[in-house]
């Protein structure tokens, strides 16, 4: 098996996937750095399998993706649409030599655009929060919320990830409140690992208006179920169509991402609270999500049970959402499971069952 990984050599995902390949007795994969892809490196040869990892936070890679004269300041939330375009152009160049991407460019194009992903899932009957029509600034956002009768929403950059730039916005008798990862300064918006609370509507409006040019996706804020006085949701990794690994994310606030200082919850406790029928229905939904991306080896599904545990919804689907360190299923972590799916024929069977469209190597920019 010839396999190339597009990723930064010091990326943890690259190291873990390489370890899984070696543990399976397979050759060490070739690592093609993102910077090399973006500066004209020859694409992998026809017949090569290519795993693409997140570009990460390398300043030079960020500059090259955005085709900017200088790197953005660390954590600055600018040029997200340009970064998206850069990623898609790079994947097109990687596939140009006839290599097969384990998550093909057309799937990544949808997964990295929250608007398109939401529309695709909704059309497929996957339960997702309702979304507002496109908004281009704070005034339009408030008008759309009023028209929909919504008092609480999540405002998301269309091309963001890891909760960067996400705003949990609530409007009530006491005014407007926002919880977000954004640190607003006079000369820019910066992603932060510390949640910030804004209550001045003019300041909140300014943040939304500064994010809007790169595209916004706005969803209704649904009440999540809770355990032990924390709200909880799940990251479920689906590999070759099968939900295999899950981690519970527990938070005291609306944003549950673990890198924001939130805790891992007890999966057994969550399954017991939901009950067997609700858990089975949620995993069937994760399978339906994966079926929307039938050429992709894996997707990471952010799934929430709603208050009462009888209903659930999909909040996000991630192209690079398979990093669940320490989570094992059948003795394998997410990377060993992907290697197992590749070598055991499960990925081939998954793509074959999906039909010819899943076997194509599609051009990027779809």
Protein backbone atom coordinates (compact mmCIF):
# COMPACT_ATOMS: atom_id res chain seq x y z
CA UNK A 1 0.00 0.00 0.00
CA UNK A 2 1.48 3.33 -1.09
CA UNK A 3 0.22 6.05 1.19
CA UNK A 4 1.10 9.74 1.49
CA UNK A 5 0.03 12.05 4.29
CA UNK A 6 -0.42 15.73 3.50
CA UNK A 7 0.25 17.45 6.79
CA UNK A 8 2.76 19.31 8.86
CA UNK A 9 5.50 16.89 9.99
CA UNK A 10 5.11 17.88 13.66
CA UNK A 11 1.32 17.44 13.59
CA UNK A 12 0.08 15.02 16.25
CA UNK A 13 -2.36 13.40 13.86
CA UNK A 14 0.45 12.66 11.42
CA UNK A 15 2.48 10.99 14.15
CA UNK A 16 -0.44 8.90 15.39
CA UNK A 17 -1.45 7.77 11.92
CA UNK A 18 2.16 6.91 11.09
CA UNK A 19 2.34 4.86 14.29
CA UNK A 20 -0.82 3.00 13.34
CA UNK A 21 0.60 2.18 9.91
CA UNK A 22 3.84 0.85 11.39
CA UNK A 23 2.00 -1.14 14.07
CA UNK A 24 0.03 -2.85 11.30
CA UNK A 25 3.28 -3.88 9.62
CA UNK A 26 2.86 -1.42 6.76
CA UNK A 27 5.51 0.87 5.29
CA UNK A 28 5.98 4.29 6.83
CA UNK A 29 3.81 6.74 4.87
CA UNK A 30 5.44 9.56 2.97
CA UNK A 31 4.75 12.93 4.57
CA UNK A 32 4.15 15.76 2.12
CA UNK A 33 4.24 19.04 4.07
CA UNK A 34 1.50 21.55 3.39
CA UNK A 35 4.10 24.20 2.59
CA UNK A 36 5.54 21.99 -0.17
CA UNK A 37 2.09 21.42 -1.69
CA UNK A 38 1.48 25.15 -1.69
CA UNK A 39 4.83 26.01 -3.27
CA UNK A 40 4.57 23.62 -6.20
CA UNK A 41 5.71 20.17 -5.09
CA UNK A 42 4.92 17.39 -7.55
CA UNK A 43 1.63 15.65 -6.67
CA UNK A 44 1.65 12.03 -5.49
CA UNK A 45 1.73 9.47 -8.27
CA UNK A 46 -1.37 7.79 -9.65
CA UNK A 47 -2.48 4.92 -7.45
CA UNK A 48 -1.23 6.51 -4.25
CA UNK A 49 -3.66 6.81 -1.35
CA UNK A 50 -3.51 10.25 0.25
CA UNK A 51 -4.61 11.18 3.72
CA UNK A 52 -5.02 14.94 4.19
CA UNK A 53 -4.64 16.40 7.66
CA UNK A 54 -5.55 19.87 8.88
CA UNK A 55 -3.14 22.66 7.88
CA UNK A 56 -2.93 23.51 11.58
CA UNK A 57 -1.58 26.82 12.83
CA UNK A 58 1.70 27.12 10.94
CA UNK A 59 2.12 30.85 10.12
CA UNK A 60 3.85 30.25 6.79
CA UNK A 61 1.26 27.71 5.68
CA UNK A 62 -1.46 30.17 6.66
CA UNK A 63 0.19 32.89 4.58
CA UNK A 64 0.50 30.59 1.57
CA UNK A 65 -3.10 29.42 1.84
CA UNK A 66 -4.35 33.00 1.88
CA UNK A 67 -1.81 34.11 -0.77
CA UNK A 68 -0.97 36.98 1.55
CA UNK A 69 2.18 39.06 1.60
CA UNK A 70 2.69 38.41 5.32
CA UNK A 71 1.35 35.91 7.87
CA UNK A 72 -1.70 36.84 9.89
CA UNK A 73 -1.01 37.69 13.48
CA UNK A 74 -1.28 34.60 15.68
CA UNK A 75 -4.91 33.65 16.19
CA UNK A 76 -6.28 36.48 14.08
CA UNK A 77 -9.69 35.73 12.60
CA UNK A 78 -9.19 37.18 9.15
CA UNK A 79 -9.23 35.73 5.67
CA UNK A 80 -11.12 32.54 6.57
CA UNK A 81 -12.73 32.46 3.13
CA UNK A 82 -9.30 32.90 1.53
CA UNK A 83 -7.93 30.05 3.64
CA UNK A 84 -10.79 27.83 2.51
CA UNK A 85 -10.11 28.66 -1.13
CA UNK A 86 -6.42 27.92 -0.57
CA UNK A 87 -7.16 24.52 0.95
CA UNK A 88 -9.44 23.55 -1.91
CA UNK A 89 -6.91 24.67 -4.51
CA UNK A 90 -4.23 22.63 -2.77
CA UNK A 91 -6.37 19.49 -2.73
CA UNK A 92 -6.99 19.91 -6.43
CA UNK A 93 -3.22 19.96 -7.02
CA UNK A 94 -2.72 16.88 -4.83
CA UNK A 95 -5.33 14.94 -6.81
CA UNK A 96 -4.03 16.15 -10.19
CA UNK A 97 -1.60 13.26 -10.53
CA UNK A 98 -4.32 10.65 -10.18
CA UNK A 99 -3.89 9.87 -6.50
CA UNK A 100 -6.95 8.87 -4.45
CA UNK A 101 -7.73 11.10 -1.48
CA UNK A 102 -9.11 9.18 1.48
CA UNK A 103 -11.39 12.17 2.04
CA UNK A 104 -11.83 13.57 -1.48
CA UNK A 105 -11.79 17.25 -2.31
CA UNK A 106 -15.50 17.49 -3.07
CA UNK A 107 -16.33 16.16 0.38
CA UNK A 108 -13.86 18.44 2.13
CA UNK A 109 -15.32 21.37 0.17
CA UNK A 110 -18.71 20.73 1.78
CA UNK A 111 -17.42 19.73 5.21
CA UNK A 112 -15.43 22.96 5.49
CA UNK A 113 -18.37 25.16 4.53
CA UNK A 114 -20.97 25.11 7.30
CA UNK A 115 -23.66 26.54 5.04
CA UNK A 116 -23.30 23.86 2.38
CA UNK A 117 -22.90 21.07 4.92
CA UNK A 118 -26.05 22.11 6.78
CA UNK A 119 -28.02 22.30 3.53
CA UNK A 120 -26.82 18.84 2.43
CA UNK A 121 -27.66 17.22 5.76
CA UNK A 122 -31.05 18.89 5.91
CA UNK A 123 -31.92 17.74 2.39
CA UNK A 124 -30.93 14.20 3.38
CA UNK A 125 -33.31 14.24 6.33
CA UNK A 126 -30.60 14.37 8.99
CA UNK A 127 -31.84 16.20 12.12
CA UNK A 128 -30.02 19.53 12.32
CA UNK A 129 -30.85 22.82 14.05
CA UNK A 130 -32.90 25.17 11.91
CA UNK A 131 -30.82 27.85 10.17
CA UNK A 132 -31.50 31.44 9.24
CA UNK A 133 -31.29 32.67 5.64
CA UNK A 134 -27.90 34.24 4.82
CA UNK A 135 -27.11 37.32 6.89
CA UNK A 136 -24.46 39.88 6.04
CA UNK A 137 -24.15 41.77 9.29
CA UNK A 138 -25.57 42.38 12.74
CA UNK A 139 -28.60 44.38 11.63
CA UNK A 140 -29.64 41.63 9.23
CA UNK A 141 -29.01 39.01 11.92
CA UNK A 142 -31.30 40.71 14.43
CA UNK A 143 -33.99 41.24 11.80
CA UNK A 144 -33.85 37.57 10.79
CA UNK A 145 -34.00 36.44 14.43
CA UNK A 146 -37.06 38.59 14.99
CA UNK A 147 -38.74 37.26 11.86
CA UNK A 148 -38.06 33.66 12.95
CA UNK A 149 -39.13 34.32 16.54
CA UNK A 150 -35.77 33.16 17.88
CA UNK A 151 -34.11 34.66 20.93
CA UNK A 152 -30.98 32.48 20.98
CA UNK A 153 -28.68 31.49 18.10
CA UNK A 154 -25.19 30.31 17.33
CA UNK A 155 -23.38 32.59 14.89
CA UNK A 156 -20.63 30.64 13.14
CA UNK A 157 -17.99 31.66 10.62
CA UNK A 158 -18.83 29.68 7.49
CA UNK A 159 -15.29 28.34 7.23
CA UNK A 160 -14.22 28.22 10.88
CA UNK A 161 -13.21 25.21 12.96
CA UNK A 162 -12.58 24.28 16.60
CA UNK A 163 -15.15 26.88 17.74
CA UNK A 164 -12.93 29.69 16.42
CA UNK A 165 -15.10 32.76 16.01
CA UNK A 166 -18.31 31.07 17.15
CA UNK A 167 -20.73 33.30 19.08
CA UNK A 168 -23.53 32.00 21.31
CA UNK A 169 -25.92 34.95 21.15
CA UNK A 170 -28.93 35.46 23.40
CA UNK A 171 -31.44 38.31 23.27
CA UNK A 172 -33.73 38.87 26.24
CA UNK A 173 -35.38 41.42 28.53
CA UNK A 174 -32.00 42.28 30.01
CA UNK A 175 -30.47 43.00 26.64
CA UNK A 176 -28.05 41.11 24.42
CA UNK A 177 -25.41 38.68 25.68
CA UNK A 178 -22.72 36.86 23.72
CA UNK A 179 -20.38 34.05 24.76
CA UNK A 180 -17.52 33.48 22.36
CA UNK A 181 -13.90 32.52 21.82
CA UNK A 182 -13.30 35.92 20.23
CA UNK A 183 -11.07 38.51 21.83
CA UNK A 184 -12.01 41.84 20.26
CA UNK A 185 -9.32 44.51 20.10
CA UNK A 186 -9.32 47.88 18.32
CA UNK A 187 -7.18 46.49 15.51
CA UNK A 188 -8.51 42.96 15.09
CA UNK A 189 -10.44 39.91 16.23
CA UNK A 190 -8.40 37.09 17.75
CA UNK A 191 -9.26 33.51 18.63
CA UNK A 192 -8.81 32.73 22.31
CA UNK A 193 -8.80 29.60 24.46
CA UNK A 194 -10.62 31.57 27.15
CA UNK A 195 -14.32 32.21 26.68
CA UNK A 196 -15.34 35.85 26.77
CA UNK A 197 -18.68 37.35 27.70
CA UNK A 198 -19.91 40.49 25.93
CA UNK A 199 -22.97 42.46 27.00
CA UNK A 200 -22.55 45.73 25.13
CA UNK A 201 -24.70 45.46 22.00
CA UNK A 202 -22.62 47.93 20.02
CA UNK A 203 -19.50 45.86 20.71
CA UNK A 204 -21.29 42.62 19.77
CA UNK A 205 -22.57 44.25 16.58
CA UNK A 206 -19.05 45.34 15.71
CA UNK A 207 -17.74 41.79 16.13
CA UNK A 208 -20.45 40.29 13.93
CA UNK A 209 -19.97 42.95 11.26
CA UNK A 210 -16.20 42.31 11.18
CA UNK A 211 -16.75 38.55 10.76
CA UNK A 212 -19.49 38.85 8.15
CA UNK A 213 -17.40 39.49 5.00
CA UNK A 214 -15.94 35.96 5.21
CA UNK A 215 -19.42 34.43 5.47
CA UNK A 216 -21.68 33.52 8.38
CA UNK A 217 -23.89 30.55 9.20
CA UNK A 218 -26.53 31.08 11.90
CA UNK A 219 -28.37 28.22 13.61
CA UNK A 220 -31.04 28.10 16.28
CA UNK A 221 -29.58 27.45 19.73
CA UNK A 222 -31.17 24.18 20.87
CA UNK A 223 -31.20 23.22 24.57
CA UNK A 224 -28.79 20.33 25.14
CA UNK A 225 -29.28 17.55 27.66
CA UNK A 226 -27.12 17.66 30.75
CA UNK A 227 -25.30 15.42 33.21
CA UNK A 228 -23.92 16.40 36.60
CA UNK A 229 -24.87 20.07 36.16
CA UNK A 230 -23.06 20.31 32.83
CA UNK A 231 -24.43 20.37 29.30
CA UNK A 232 -23.07 17.54 27.17
CA UNK A 233 -22.65 16.57 23.57
CA UNK A 234 -20.63 13.99 21.63
CA UNK A 235 -17.88 13.82 19.06
CA UNK A 236 -18.50 10.61 17.15
CA UNK A 237 -15.93 9.40 14.62
CA UNK A 238 -17.50 7.43 11.78
CA UNK A 239 -15.04 5.29 9.83
CA UNK A 240 -16.05 3.69 6.52
CA UNK A 241 -19.69 4.29 7.38
CA UNK A 242 -19.55 2.84 10.90
CA UNK A 243 -19.60 4.87 14.14
CA UNK A 244 -16.64 3.45 16.01
CA UNK A 245 -15.36 5.97 18.59
CA UNK A 246 -17.09 8.59 20.71
CA UNK A 247 -16.16 11.04 23.43
CA UNK A 248 -18.49 13.01 25.67
CA UNK A 249 -17.80 16.74 25.98
CA UNK A 250 -19.17 18.33 29.15
CA UNK A 251 -19.29 22.09 29.78
CA UNK A 252 -20.85 24.64 32.08
CA UNK A 253 -21.44 26.98 29.14
CA UNK A 254 -22.70 26.73 25.56
CA UNK A 255 -19.37 25.83 23.88
CA UNK A 256 -18.27 22.29 24.68
CA UNK A 257 -14.98 21.91 22.77
CA UNK A 258 -12.44 20.13 24.94
CA UNK A 259 -9.55 22.43 24.04
CA UNK A 260 -11.48 25.27 25.73
CA UNK A 261 -10.91 23.66 29.12
CA UNK A 262 -14.06 21.54 29.17
CA UNK A 263 -14.13 18.01 30.58
CA UNK A 264 -14.56 14.59 29.10
CA UNK A 265 -17.74 13.03 30.39
CA UNK A 266 -18.60 9.41 31.06
CA UNK A 267 -19.85 7.72 27.90
CA UNK A 268 -21.50 4.90 29.83
CA UNK A 269 -23.39 7.39 31.96
CA UNK A 270 -24.57 9.27 28.88
CA UNK A 271 -25.73 6.08 27.18
CA UNK A 272 -27.62 5.06 30.29
CA UNK A 273 -29.29 8.48 30.50
CA UNK A 274 -30.31 8.37 26.84
CA UNK A 275 -31.47 4.77 26.89
CA UNK A 276 -30.85 2.06 24.34
CA UNK A 277 -33.43 3.21 21.80
CA UNK A 278 -32.31 6.85 21.76
CA UNK A 279 -28.64 5.85 21.58
CA UNK A 280 -29.31 3.48 18.67
CA UNK A 281 -31.24 6.20 16.83
CA UNK A 282 -28.37 8.66 17.35
CA UNK A 283 -25.83 6.21 15.95
CA UNK A 284 -28.10 5.58 12.96
CA UNK A 285 -28.08 9.34 12.38
CA UNK A 286 -24.26 9.31 12.42
CA UNK A 287 -24.36 6.60 9.76
CA UNK A 288 -26.73 8.74 7.68
CA UNK A 289 -24.32 11.65 8.01
CA UNK A 290 -21.48 9.50 6.70
CA UNK A 291 -23.66 8.36 3.83
CA UNK A 292 -23.75 11.99 2.67
CA UNK A 293 -19.97 11.68 2.17
CA UNK A 294 -19.69 8.14 0.78
CA UNK A 295 -16.19 8.51 -0.64
CA UNK A 296 -14.67 9.65 2.66
CA UNK A 297 -12.85 7.25 4.94
CA UNK A 298 -13.86 9.15 8.07
CA UNK A 299 -15.90 12.07 9.35
CA UNK A 300 -16.23 13.52 12.84
CA UNK A 301 -19.84 14.16 13.86
CA UNK A 302 -20.75 16.57 16.66
CA UNK A 303 -24.05 15.21 17.96
CA UNK A 304 -26.21 16.57 20.76
CA UNK A 305 -29.06 15.02 22.66
CA UNK A 306 -31.71 17.60 23.49
CA UNK A 307 -33.27 18.15 26.90
CA UNK A 308 -35.31 15.08 27.77
CA UNK A 309 -32.97 12.76 25.79
CA UNK A 310 -35.68 11.74 23.32
CA UNK A 311 -34.43 13.84 20.43
CA UNK A 312 -31.01 14.60 19.01
CA UNK A 313 -29.46 16.80 16.33
CA UNK A 314 -26.19 17.13 14.45
CA UNK A 315 -24.40 20.41 15.18
CA UNK A 316 -21.31 20.00 12.98
CA UNK A 317 -19.52 17.53 10.73
CA UNK A 318 -15.73 17.72 10.62
CA UNK A 319 -13.28 16.77 7.90
CA UNK A 320 -10.39 16.65 10.38
CA UNK A 321 -12.25 15.52 13.49
CA UNK A 322 -10.63 12.16 14.26
CA UNK A 323 -8.22 13.15 17.06
CA UNK A 324 -9.62 11.37 20.12
CA UNK A 325 -6.47 10.47 22.09
CA UNK A 326 -6.85 7.56 24.45
CA UNK A 327 -10.26 6.50 23.12
CA UNK A 328 -10.19 2.86 22.04
CA UNK A 329 -12.79 0.63 20.38
CA UNK A 330 -11.97 -3.04 20.04
CA UNK A 331 -8.46 -2.19 21.21
CA UNK A 332 -7.89 0.28 18.37
CA UNK A 333 -7.74 4.07 18.40
CA UNK A 334 -9.24 6.08 15.55
CA UNK A 335 -6.07 5.86 13.45
CA UNK A 336 -5.59 2.12 13.91
CA UNK A 337 -9.27 1.70 13.02
CA UNK A 338 -8.78 3.65 9.80
CA UNK A 339 -5.79 1.50 8.86
CA UNK A 340 -7.84 -1.60 9.70
CA UNK A 341 -10.66 -0.38 7.43
CA UNK A 342 -8.19 0.21 4.60
CA UNK A 343 -6.36 -3.10 4.88
CA UNK A 344 -9.39 -5.24 5.73
CA UNK A 345 -11.43 -4.13 2.74
CA UNK A 346 -14.12 -2.29 4.71
CA UNK A 347 -13.42 1.02 3.02
CA UNK A 348 -13.59 -0.59 -0.43
CA UNK A 349 -16.90 -2.25 0.46
CA UNK A 350 -18.24 1.04 1.85
CA UNK A 351 -17.40 2.92 -1.34
CA UNK A 352 -18.69 0.12 -3.58
CA UNK A 353 -22.02 0.09 -1.75
CA UNK A 354 -22.36 3.83 -2.33
CA UNK A 355 -22.11 3.44 -6.09
CA UNK A 356 -19.93 4.98 -8.82
CA UNK A 357 -20.06 8.53 -7.46
CA UNK A 358 -18.07 7.46 -4.40
CA UNK A 359 -15.34 5.92 -6.53
CA UNK A 360 -14.65 9.05 -8.52
CA UNK A 361 -11.74 11.31 -7.78
CA UNK A 362 -13.61 14.56 -8.22
CA UNK A 363 -12.03 17.91 -9.00
CA UNK A 364 -11.97 20.45 -6.19
CA UNK A 365 -14.07 23.54 -6.01
CA UNK A 366 -17.37 21.69 -6.21
